[in-house]
Amino acid sequence: MSDSNLVYSTDGGRITQAAEKAPLEVKLFSDGFIRIERQTKGRKGKGVMLVVGIDPEKHDLKTLAKTLKTKMGQGGSLKDGVIEIQGDDREKLKILLQTAGFKVKLAGG
């Protein structure tokens, strides 16, 4: 098979560039607290709780997000160092994070 008939190949491309991503820049607060924010913007009115300010070098965010989603009984995700949990039970989420050893503040409305 000659190269002129090649339709698709996984050789090369941006695969090596994706592996060399820059380290994740997460917003950390100087007072040592993490924040639980509520957001509905761009979500068709559905409420989402955002857990912001956890240092990804000290904590495994993926495992923490999975644990929180399980204990809350909600869906969610981890995007750009921010844990998103569906729903609006910020008090329950605050208690779960405090029992995990975090100092927590509720932020926003």
C-alpha atoms as a PDB file:
ATOM      1  CA  MET A   1       0.000   0.000   0.000  1.00  0.00           C
ATOM      2  CA  SER A   2       1.494   3.319  -0.981  1.00  0.00           C
ATOM      3  CA  ASP A   3       1.324   6.507   1.088  1.00  0.00           C
ATOM      4  CA  SER A   4      -0.743   8.301  -1.537  1.00  0.00           C
ATOM      5  CA  ASN A   5      -3.731   6.014  -0.819  1.00  0.00           C
ATOM      6  CA  LEU A   6      -3.556   6.610   2.937  1.00  0.00           C
ATOM      7  CA  VAL A   7      -6.929   7.773   4.245  1.00  0.00           C
ATOM      8  CA  TYR A   8      -6.371   7.769   8.015  1.00  0.00           C
ATOM      9  CA  SER A   9      -3.453   7.063  10.303  1.00  0.00           C
ATOM     10  CA  THR A  10      -2.800   7.278  14.013  1.00  0.00           C
ATOM     11  CA  ASP A  11       0.933   7.716  13.449  1.00  0.00           C
ATOM     12  CA  GLY A  12       2.158  11.017  14.845  1.00  0.00           C
ATOM     13  CA  GLY A  13      -0.364  13.808  15.165  1.00  0.00           C
ATOM     14  CA  ARG A  14      -0.960  15.619  18.417  1.00  0.00           C
ATOM     15  CA  ILE A  15      -0.690  12.570  20.634  1.00  0.00           C
ATOM     16  CA  THR A  16       2.747  13.493  21.976  1.00  0.00           C
ATOM     17  CA  GLN A  17       1.648  17.070  22.548  1.00  0.00           C
ATOM     18  CA  ALA A  18      -1.339  15.962  24.633  1.00  0.00           C
ATOM     19  CA  ALA A  19       0.946  13.938  26.914  1.00  0.00           C
ATOM     20  CA  GLU A  20       3.083  17.022  27.548  1.00  0.00           C
ATOM     21  CA  LYS A  21       0.273  19.171  28.968  1.00  0.00           C
ATOM     22  CA  ALA A  22       1.161  22.001  31.283  1.00  0.00           C
ATOM     23  CA  PRO A  23       0.433  21.387  34.979  1.00  0.00           C
ATOM     24  CA  LEU A  24      -3.091  22.247  36.099  1.00  0.00           C
ATOM     25  CA  GLU A  25      -3.440  25.740  37.534  1.00  0.00           C
ATOM     26  CA  VAL A  26      -5.992  25.681  40.345  1.00  0.00           C
ATOM     27  CA  LYS A  27      -7.246  28.676  42.266  1.00  0.00           C
ATOM     28  CA  LEU A  28      -5.998  28.275  45.839  1.00  0.00           C
ATOM     29  CA  PHE A  29      -7.076  30.613  48.617  1.00  0.00           C
ATOM     30  CA  SER A  30      -4.549  32.135  51.045  1.00  0.00           C
ATOM     31  CA  ASP A  31      -6.779  31.562  54.096  1.00  0.00           C
ATOM     32  CA  GLY A  32      -6.582  27.768  53.658  1.00  0.00           C
ATOM     33  CA  PHE A  33     -10.320  27.309  53.179  1.00  0.00           C
ATOM     34  CA  ILE A  34     -11.948  25.622  50.222  1.00  0.00           C
ATOM     35  CA  ARG A  35     -15.145  27.120  48.818  1.00  0.00           C
ATOM     36  CA  ILE A  36     -18.446  25.530  47.841  1.00  0.00           C
ATOM     37  CA  GLU A  37     -20.091  27.672  45.178  1.00  0.00           C
ATOM     38  CA  ARG A  38     -23.505  27.286  43.589  1.00  0.00           C
ATOM     39  CA  GLN A  39     -23.808  27.791  39.855  1.00  0.00           C
ATOM     40  CA  THR A  40     -26.731  27.636  37.438  1.00  0.00           C
ATOM     41  CA  LYS A  41     -25.344  29.711  34.571  1.00  0.00           C
ATOM     42  CA  GLY A  42     -25.256  27.802  31.286  1.00  0.00           C
ATOM     43  CA  ARG A  43     -26.984  24.766  32.780  1.00  0.00           C
ATOM     44  CA  LYS A  44     -30.616  25.444  31.832  1.00  0.00           C
ATOM     45  CA  GLY A  45     -31.478  26.410  35.410  1.00  0.00           C
ATOM     46  CA  LYS A  46     -30.131  23.223  36.974  1.00  0.00           C
ATOM     47  CA  GLY A  47     -28.078  23.847  40.101  1.00  0.00           C
ATOM     48  CA  VAL A  48     -24.521  22.574  40.450  1.00  0.00           C
ATOM     49  CA  MET A  49     -22.212  22.844  43.457  1.00  0.00           C
ATOM     50  CA  LEU A  50     -18.582  23.654  42.680  1.00  0.00           C
ATOM     51  CA  VAL A  51     -15.841  22.683  45.141  1.00  0.00           C
ATOM     52  CA  VAL A  52     -12.990  25.129  44.509  1.00  0.00           C
ATOM     53  CA  GLY A  53      -9.556  25.547  46.092  1.00  0.00           C
ATOM     54  CA  ILE A  54      -8.345  21.992  46.709  1.00  0.00           C
ATOM     55  CA  ASP A  55      -4.641  21.564  45.982  1.00  0.00           C
ATOM     56  CA  PRO A  56      -4.281  18.744  43.407  1.00  0.00           C
ATOM     57  CA  GLU A  57      -0.692  18.073  44.538  1.00  0.00           C
ATOM     58  CA  LYS A  58      -1.791  17.207  48.087  1.00  0.00           C
ATOM     59  CA  HIS A  59      -5.084  15.430  47.346  1.00  0.00           C
ATOM     60  CA  ASP A  60      -6.283  12.994  44.697  1.00  0.00           C
ATOM     61  CA  LEU A  61      -9.144  15.000  43.195  1.00  0.00           C
ATOM     62  CA  LYS A  62     -10.471  12.119  41.110  1.00  0.00           C
ATOM     63  CA  THR A  63     -10.879   9.853  44.147  1.00  0.00           C
ATOM     64  CA  LEU A  64     -12.322  12.678  46.250  1.00  0.00           C
ATOM     65  CA  ALA A  65     -14.851  13.550  43.537  1.00  0.00           C
ATOM     66  CA  LYS A  66     -15.931   9.915  43.272  1.00  0.00           C
ATOM     67  CA  THR A  67     -16.337   9.641  47.047  1.00  0.00           C
ATOM     68  CA  LEU A  68     -18.378  12.846  47.263  1.00  0.00           C
ATOM     69  CA  LYS A  69     -20.649  11.848  44.387  1.00  0.00           C
ATOM     70  CA  THR A  70     -21.266   8.462  46.001  1.00  0.00           C
ATOM     71  CA  LYS A  71     -22.011   9.847  49.472  1.00  0.00           C
ATOM     72  CA  MET A  72     -24.201  12.635  48.073  1.00  0.00           C
ATOM     73  CA  GLY A  73     -26.091  10.242  45.802  1.00  0.00           C
ATOM     74  CA  GLN A  74     -25.643  12.710  42.947  1.00  0.00           C
ATOM     75  CA  GLY A  75     -23.884  12.884  39.635  1.00  0.00           C
ATOM     76  CA  GLY A  76     -21.013  15.183  38.906  1.00  0.00           C
ATOM     77  CA  SER A  77     -17.599  15.531  37.347  1.00  0.00           C
ATOM     78  CA  LEU A  78     -14.069  16.834  37.735  1.00  0.00           C
ATOM     79  CA  LYS A  79     -13.147  19.645  35.346  1.00  0.00           C
ATOM     80  CA  ASP A  80      -9.971  21.746  35.453  1.00  0.00           C
ATOM     81  CA  GLY A  81      -9.320  21.046  39.148  1.00  0.00           C
ATOM     82  CA  VAL A  82     -12.888  21.936  40.176  1.00  0.00           C
ATOM     83  CA  ILE A  83     -15.209  19.233  41.507  1.00  0.00           C
ATOM     84  CA  GLU A  84     -18.775  19.641  40.237  1.00  0.00           C
ATOM     85  CA  ILE A  85     -21.597  17.928  42.134  1.00  0.00           C
ATOM     86  CA  GLN A  86     -25.159  18.081  40.821  1.00  0.00           C
ATOM     87  CA  GLY A  87     -27.883  19.346  43.117  1.00  0.00           C
ATOM     88  CA  ASP A  88     -28.122  22.040  45.765  1.00  0.00           C
ATOM     89  CA  ASP A  89     -27.478  20.423  49.170  1.00  0.00           C
ATOM     90  CA  ARG A  90     -24.448  22.510  50.098  1.00  0.00           C
ATOM     91  CA  GLU A  91     -24.817  21.898  53.831  1.00  0.00           C
ATOM     92  CA  LYS A  92     -24.518  18.118  53.398  1.00  0.00           C
ATOM     93  CA  LEU A  93     -21.518  18.602  51.095  1.00  0.00           C
ATOM     94  CA  LYS A  94     -19.923  20.942  53.646  1.00  0.00           C
ATOM     95  CA  ILE A  95     -20.285  18.329  56.403  1.00  0.00           C
ATOM     96  CA  LEU A  96     -18.776  15.606  54.179  1.00  0.00           C
ATOM     97  CA  LEU A  97     -15.779  17.789  53.337  1.00  0.00           C
ATOM     98  CA  GLN A  98     -15.279  18.785  56.985  1.00  0.00           C
ATOM     99  CA  THR A  99     -15.245  15.133  58.056  1.00  0.00           C
ATOM    100  CA  ALA A 100     -12.592  14.559  55.357  1.00  0.00           C
ATOM    101  CA  GLY A 101     -10.411  17.158  57.114  1.00  0.00           C
ATOM    102  CA  PHE A 102     -11.005  20.286  55.023  1.00  0.00           C
ATOM    103  CA  LYS A 103     -11.813  23.805  56.227  1.00  0.00           C
ATOM    104  CA  VAL A 104     -14.893  24.808  54.220  1.00  0.00           C
ATOM    105  CA  LYS A 105     -16.759  28.032  53.474  1.00  0.00           C
ATOM    106  CA  LEU A 106     -19.972  28.478  51.533  1.00  0.00           C
ATOM    107  CA  ALA A 107     -19.481  31.058  48.793  1.00  0.00           C
ATOM    108  CA  GLY A 108     -21.982  32.848  46.614  1.00  0.00           C
ATOM    109  CA  GLY A 109     -25.763  32.733  46.736  1.00  0.00           C
END
